Amino acid sequence: NKYNHVTQAKRQPGSTFKPFVYATAMENGYTPCDEYPDVPTTFQFFDGQENKTWTPQNSEGKYTGAMMTLRQAMARSVNSITANMMKMMGPEKVANTAKKLGINSPLEAVPALCLGSSDVSIYELVNAYGTFVNNGTWTEPIFITRIEDKYGNVLQEFVPQTKEAMNEESAYLMVHMLKGGTEEKDGTALGLYRYKIFGGNEIGGKTGTTSNYSDGWFVAITHNLVAGAWVGGDDRSIHFRTYALGQGSKLALPIVGKFFEKVYADTTTGIRKGYFNRPEGFNVELNCQRYKLNGKNAVPDSTGVQQYKKPEKVNFDDL
């Protein structure tokens, strides 16, 4: 079978698309510590024939009303707050961010895009998440870096194309956001702790599940390795019986966890555990308790930490 599921199988990515919504927010002056309530968000839009409304529900159909930081909301995969950010950013901006980061498939710029309504491949997702780790620089995925003869002489070398997709500071904020999946209470990537891959190692990740339980996704990042898995059928009608069985955390996350275990156990790979590199001059407050105490638009505090100052908000019409 010549069908390549990694590059050719495209399905709705569900919540693994959410980081592109938050990346757009980070690029527009928001921080992981900004708080929003878990309440319904309603979109009003015209579908080409009639005016419609759409109010996305959380996975369990409930809203807590609680205030959450953006990091907590993404870590717990809260649909309502993601939708609220989408409403403020706008679908076009989010689609453009995803494309810059590495998504090449056509994206329909509609409100539901925030929950992963447009088909993409796992190949694209892993490439795009890699842009966060590479300090905001998109890097072309290549499979062959050089060709040698039997004597070890290099016959040809291949250098991947690169381009700046987002600023370095915003990229690091997204790394911090993705780490929330393994660090925040109720983070959807906490299942990774079943595997021997921590201990001197920082890992972030995001799960994804489609609404009819047909596709499970997971993408994880470390300082020098990004990996992802998609679990689904060639026939879109094939699906799991329940949401619990079809979750990305149950289907795809274990594949990535075992992969990381194998990689770290094999010393010949040259891939080691480690920590994400903080950009030089980075001065955004990531301690949300200090962020709240000092005020969101505070001047540098006594430790010299410069609070991130948001730009003026733009009021968006209902979509």
Protein backbone atom coordinates (compact mmCIF):
# COMPACT_ATOMS: atom_id res chain seq x y z
CA ASN A 1 0.00 0.00 0.00
CA LYS A 2 1.62 3.25 -1.16
CA TYR A 3 -0.84 5.39 0.81
CA ASN A 4 1.18 7.40 3.35
CA HIS A 5 -0.96 7.96 6.43
CA VAL A 6 1.54 10.44 7.88
CA THR A 7 1.39 12.90 4.99
CA GLN A 8 -1.77 11.94 3.07
CA ALA A 9 -4.32 10.98 5.73
CA LYS A 10 -6.02 14.22 6.70
CA ARG A 11 -8.68 14.44 9.38
CA GLN A 12 -10.15 17.01 11.75
CA PRO A 13 -7.46 17.52 14.42
CA GLY A 14 -9.85 18.50 17.20
CA SER A 15 -8.17 20.20 20.14
CA THR A 16 -4.64 19.76 18.78
CA PHE A 17 -5.52 22.81 16.67
CA LYS A 18 -6.15 24.99 19.74
CA PRO A 19 -2.50 26.05 20.18
CA PHE A 20 -2.81 28.05 16.95
CA VAL A 21 -5.63 30.07 18.51
CA TYR A 22 -3.51 30.79 21.57
CA ALA A 23 -0.42 31.45 19.45
CA THR A 24 -2.40 34.17 17.68
CA ALA A 25 -3.30 35.62 21.07
CA MET A 26 0.34 35.56 22.24
CA GLU A 27 1.35 37.38 19.06
CA ASN A 28 -1.26 40.03 19.84
CA GLY A 29 -0.09 40.87 23.35
CA TYR A 30 -1.80 38.29 25.56
CA THR A 31 0.09 36.19 28.09
CA PRO A 32 -0.42 32.71 29.60
CA CYS A 33 -1.48 34.35 32.88
CA ASP A 34 -4.40 36.37 31.48
CA GLU A 35 -7.66 35.11 32.97
CA TYR A 36 -11.08 34.53 31.43
CA PRO A 37 -14.28 32.87 32.74
CA ASP A 38 -15.44 29.43 31.66
CA VAL A 39 -18.80 30.61 30.29
CA PRO A 40 -20.60 30.10 26.96
CA THR A 41 -19.39 32.07 23.94
CA THR A 42 -21.81 32.57 21.05
CA PHE A 43 -20.85 33.36 17.46
CA GLN A 44 -23.24 35.02 15.03
CA PHE A 45 -22.36 34.49 11.39
CA PHE A 46 -23.73 34.23 7.86
CA ASP A 47 -23.12 30.87 6.17
CA GLY A 48 -23.84 32.12 2.65
CA GLN A 49 -27.54 31.41 2.88
CA GLU A 50 -28.78 32.50 6.29
CA ASN A 51 -27.72 34.04 9.59
CA LYS A 52 -26.75 31.46 12.18
CA THR A 53 -25.48 31.22 15.74
CA TRP A 54 -23.07 28.72 17.24
CA THR A 55 -22.27 28.18 20.91
CA PRO A 56 -19.56 25.53 21.35
CA GLN A 57 -19.93 23.28 24.38
CA ASN A 58 -17.21 21.94 26.63
CA SER A 59 -16.48 18.23 26.31
CA GLU A 60 -18.75 17.34 29.23
CA GLY A 61 -21.42 19.87 28.27
CA LYS A 62 -20.83 21.94 31.42
CA TYR A 63 -19.47 25.41 32.20
CA THR A 64 -17.89 26.01 35.59
CA GLY A 65 -18.06 29.81 35.49
CA ALA A 66 -14.61 29.80 37.08
CA MET A 67 -11.84 32.17 36.08
CA MET A 68 -8.94 30.39 34.41
CA THR A 69 -5.62 31.51 33.04
CA LEU A 70 -5.12 30.92 29.32
CA ARG A 71 -2.49 28.32 30.25
CA GLN A 72 -4.98 26.43 32.41
CA ALA A 73 -7.66 26.67 29.72
CA MET A 74 -5.42 25.19 27.03
CA ALA A 75 -3.99 22.55 29.38
CA ARG A 76 -7.50 21.39 30.29
CA SER A 77 -8.73 21.85 26.71
CA VAL A 78 -11.61 24.14 27.70
CA ASN A 79 -13.63 24.86 24.57
CA SER A 80 -15.46 27.93 25.88
CA ILE A 81 -12.33 29.98 26.59
CA THR A 82 -10.70 28.88 23.34
CA ALA A 83 -13.83 30.03 21.51
CA ASN A 84 -13.71 33.34 23.36
CA MET A 85 -10.14 33.88 22.19
CA MET A 86 -11.17 32.94 18.65
CA LYS A 87 -13.95 35.51 18.78
CA MET A 88 -11.49 38.21 19.83
CA MET A 89 -8.79 37.24 17.33
CA GLY A 90 -10.99 36.36 14.36
CA PRO A 91 -10.86 33.17 12.22
CA GLU A 92 -8.78 34.77 9.46
CA LYS A 93 -6.00 35.71 11.87
CA VAL A 94 -5.97 32.24 13.40
CA ALA A 95 -5.89 30.55 9.98
CA ASN A 96 -2.99 32.78 8.91
CA THR A 97 -1.05 31.95 12.08
CA ALA A 98 -1.51 28.21 11.50
CA LYS A 99 -0.32 28.54 7.90
CA LYS A 100 2.78 30.49 8.91
CA LEU A 101 3.65 27.89 11.52
CA GLY A 102 3.49 24.99 9.06
CA ILE A 103 -0.10 23.99 8.21
CA ASN A 104 -0.39 23.70 4.42
CA SER A 105 -3.85 22.15 4.08
CA PRO A 106 -6.73 24.50 3.19
CA LEU A 107 -8.27 26.02 6.31
CA GLU A 108 -11.85 27.28 6.31
CA ALA A 109 -11.81 30.56 8.26
CA VAL A 110 -14.99 29.92 10.26
CA PRO A 111 -15.61 30.04 14.03
CA ALA A 112 -15.44 26.22 14.35
CA LEU A 113 -11.83 26.30 13.16
CA CYS A 114 -10.82 27.02 16.77
CA LEU A 115 -11.87 23.46 17.68
CA GLY A 116 -10.14 21.86 14.70
CA SER A 117 -12.87 21.68 12.06
CA SER A 118 -10.56 21.68 9.00
CA ASP A 119 -8.68 18.54 7.95
CA VAL A 120 -4.90 18.42 8.45
CA SER A 121 -2.25 15.68 8.59
CA ILE A 122 -0.17 14.60 11.57
CA TYR A 123 2.87 15.54 9.47
CA GLU A 124 1.71 19.17 9.33
CA LEU A 125 0.83 19.30 13.02
CA VAL A 126 4.20 18.01 14.17
CA ASN A 127 5.98 20.42 11.83
CA ALA A 128 3.94 23.37 13.12
CA TYR A 129 4.50 22.50 16.79
CA GLY A 130 8.20 22.28 15.98
CA THR A 131 8.11 25.97 15.07
CA PHE A 132 7.36 26.81 18.72
CA VAL A 133 10.42 24.85 19.87
CA ASN A 134 12.61 26.38 17.14
CA ASN A 135 12.16 29.88 18.57
CA GLY A 136 9.43 30.79 16.09
CA THR A 137 11.40 29.71 13.02
CA TRP A 138 9.59 27.36 10.65
CA THR A 139 11.91 24.62 9.41
CA GLU A 140 11.22 22.48 6.36
CA PRO A 141 11.04 18.79 7.34
CA ILE A 142 13.62 16.74 5.43
CA PHE A 143 14.34 13.02 5.63
CA ILE A 144 17.88 12.97 4.21
CA THR A 145 20.52 15.41 5.44
CA ARG A 146 23.47 14.04 3.46
CA ILE A 147 24.58 11.25 1.14
CA GLU A 148 27.92 9.49 1.70
CA ASP A 149 29.78 6.86 -0.32
CA LYS A 150 31.03 3.64 1.23
CA TYR A 151 34.22 5.39 2.33
CA GLY A 152 32.38 8.07 4.26
CA ASN A 153 32.97 10.82 1.72
CA VAL A 154 30.09 13.28 1.59
CA LEU A 155 28.61 13.32 -1.90
CA GLN A 156 25.83 15.78 -1.22
CA GLU A 157 24.34 17.65 1.73
CA PHE A 158 20.81 18.97 2.11
CA VAL A 159 19.91 22.01 4.18
CA PRO A 160 16.26 22.59 5.13
CA GLN A 161 14.59 25.85 4.21
CA THR A 162 13.70 28.11 7.13
CA LYS A 163 11.66 31.25 7.65
CA GLU A 164 10.56 33.33 10.61
CA ALA A 165 6.95 32.49 11.45
CA MET A 166 6.48 34.26 14.79
CA ASN A 167 8.63 36.26 17.16
CA GLU A 168 10.91 34.41 19.54
CA GLU A 169 9.17 35.67 22.67
CA SER A 170 5.72 34.51 21.51
CA ALA A 171 7.16 31.12 20.56
CA TYR A 172 8.57 30.67 24.06
CA LEU A 173 5.22 31.66 25.55
CA MET A 174 3.65 28.86 23.49
CA VAL A 175 6.25 26.39 24.76
CA HIS A 176 5.22 27.44 28.29
CA MET A 177 1.55 27.05 27.33
CA LEU A 178 2.14 23.53 25.99
CA LYS A 179 4.05 22.56 29.13
CA GLY A 180 0.79 23.26 30.94
CA GLY A 181 -0.52 19.95 29.63
CA THR A 182 1.94 18.12 31.89
CA GLU A 183 2.18 20.69 34.70
CA GLU A 184 -1.31 22.08 35.32
CA LYS A 185 -3.94 20.34 37.43
CA ASP A 186 -6.22 18.30 35.11
CA GLY A 187 -3.86 18.80 32.17
CA THR A 188 -4.79 16.47 29.33
CA ALA A 189 -1.18 15.31 28.86
CA LEU A 190 -0.66 14.12 32.45
CA GLY A 191 -0.84 10.53 31.19
CA LEU A 192 2.76 10.93 30.03
CA TYR A 193 3.86 10.44 33.64
CA ARG A 194 3.18 6.72 33.18
CA TYR A 195 6.34 6.60 31.07
CA LYS A 196 9.96 6.96 32.14
CA ILE A 197 10.60 10.12 30.19
CA PHE A 198 10.76 12.86 32.82
CA GLY A 199 13.54 13.46 35.35
CA GLY A 200 15.70 16.27 33.99
CA ASN A 201 13.34 16.67 31.05
CA GLU A 202 10.69 19.26 30.19
CA ILE A 203 7.79 18.03 28.06
CA GLY A 204 4.73 19.79 26.72
CA GLY A 205 1.84 18.35 24.78
CA LYS A 206 -1.71 18.66 23.49
CA THR A 207 -4.38 16.04 22.95
CA GLY A 208 -7.15 16.07 20.37
CA THR A 209 -10.40 14.14 19.92
CA THR A 210 -12.99 14.51 17.17
CA SER A 211 -16.63 14.96 18.09
CA ASN A 212 -17.75 11.55 16.79
CA TYR A 213 -14.85 9.70 18.47
CA SER A 214 -13.35 8.68 15.13
CA ASP A 215 -9.90 10.27 15.52
CA GLY A 216 -7.50 10.57 18.44
CA TRP A 217 -4.46 12.87 18.33
CA PHE A 218 -1.48 13.78 20.47
CA VAL A 219 1.56 15.96 19.82
CA ALA A 220 4.40 16.36 22.33
CA ILE A 221 7.38 18.71 22.41
CA THR A 222 10.77 18.59 24.13
CA HIS A 223 13.79 20.86 23.73
CA ASN A 224 15.14 18.78 20.82
CA LEU A 225 12.36 16.43 19.71
CA VAL A 226 8.75 16.83 18.57
CA ALA A 227 6.57 13.77 18.03
CA GLY A 228 2.93 13.14 17.27
CA ALA A 229 0.45 10.34 16.67
CA TRP A 230 -2.92 10.11 14.95
CA VAL A 231 -5.20 7.10 15.50
CA GLY A 232 -8.12 6.61 13.14
CA GLY A 233 -9.48 4.62 10.23
CA ASP A 234 -9.17 5.02 6.48
CA ASP A 235 -12.96 5.05 6.44
CA ARG A 236 -14.22 8.15 8.28
CA SER A 237 -17.34 6.29 9.41
CA ILE A 238 -15.22 4.04 11.66
CA HIS A 239 -15.33 5.36 15.20
CA PHE A 240 -15.04 4.30 18.81
CA ARG A 241 -18.16 3.58 20.85
CA THR A 242 -17.72 6.30 23.47
CA TYR A 243 -15.83 9.54 24.05
CA ALA A 244 -13.80 7.86 26.81
CA LEU A 245 -12.58 5.15 24.41
CA GLY A 246 -11.90 7.58 21.58
CA GLN A 247 -9.95 10.24 23.45
CA GLY A 248 -6.55 11.28 22.17
CA SER A 249 -5.19 10.81 25.69
CA LYS A 250 -6.21 7.13 25.56
CA LEU A 251 -5.39 6.38 21.91
CA ALA A 252 -2.52 8.54 20.69
CA LEU A 253 -0.71 9.68 23.85
CA PRO A 254 0.50 6.16 24.80
CA ILE A 255 2.11 5.78 21.36
CA VAL A 256 4.10 8.97 21.83
CA GLY A 257 4.97 8.06 25.42
CA LYS A 258 6.38 4.67 24.41
CA PHE A 259 8.23 6.28 21.50
CA PHE A 260 9.97 8.72 23.84
CA GLU A 261 10.90 5.85 26.17
CA LYS A 262 12.50 3.97 23.29
CA VAL A 263 14.37 7.05 22.06
CA TYR A 264 15.83 7.89 25.48
CA ALA A 265 16.81 4.26 26.07
CA ASP A 266 18.78 4.16 22.81
CA THR A 267 22.04 6.05 23.32
CA THR A 268 22.88 5.85 19.61
CA THR A 269 20.16 8.38 18.72
CA GLY A 270 22.08 11.27 20.26
CA ILE A 271 18.79 12.62 21.66
CA ARG A 272 18.98 13.45 25.35
CA LYS A 273 16.65 14.83 27.98
CA GLY A 274 16.90 18.53 28.77
CA TYR A 275 15.21 21.88 29.24
CA PHE A 276 13.77 24.40 26.82
CA ASN A 277 15.99 27.36 26.03
CA ARG A 278 14.69 30.67 27.36
CA PRO A 279 15.26 33.47 24.81
CA GLU A 280 17.89 36.04 25.70
CA GLY A 281 16.28 39.13 27.17
CA PHE A 282 12.95 37.37 27.75
CA ASN A 283 11.11 39.35 30.43
CA VAL A 284 7.48 38.22 30.45
CA GLU A 285 6.22 37.22 33.89
CA LEU A 286 5.28 33.53 33.85
CA ASN A 287 4.53 33.22 37.57
CA CYS A 288 0.80 33.89 37.49
CA GLN A 289 0.59 34.64 41.21
CA ARG A 290 3.14 37.46 40.86
CA TYR A 291 1.42 38.52 37.64
CA LYS A 292 -1.88 38.98 39.48
CA LEU A 293 -0.31 40.70 42.49
CA ASN A 294 1.69 43.18 40.44
CA GLY A 295 -1.06 44.00 37.98
CA LYS A 296 -1.21 43.11 34.32
CA ASN A 297 0.30 46.38 33.11
CA ALA A 298 2.82 46.91 35.89
CA VAL A 299 6.23 48.48 35.40
CA PRO A 300 9.36 46.45 36.27
CA ASP A 301 9.21 45.20 39.86
CA SER A 302 12.01 45.19 42.42
CA THR A 303 13.50 42.03 40.90
CA GLY A 304 13.82 43.71 37.53
CA VAL A 305 11.12 41.56 35.93
CA GLN A 306 9.25 43.53 33.31
CA GLN A 307 5.57 42.74 33.22
CA TYR A 308 4.20 42.28 29.73
CA LYS A 309 2.06 45.23 28.71
CA LYS A 310 -0.95 44.43 26.60
CA PRO A 311 -1.86 46.62 23.64
CA GLU A 312 -5.25 48.26 23.50
CA LYS A 313 -7.99 45.73 22.84
CA VAL A 314 -9.76 45.81 19.50
CA ASN A 315 -13.51 45.34 19.60
CA PHE A 316 -14.58 42.69 17.11
CA ASP A 317 -18.09 42.43 15.73
CA ASP A 318 -19.86 39.12 16.14
CA LEU A 319 -18.66 36.71 13.48
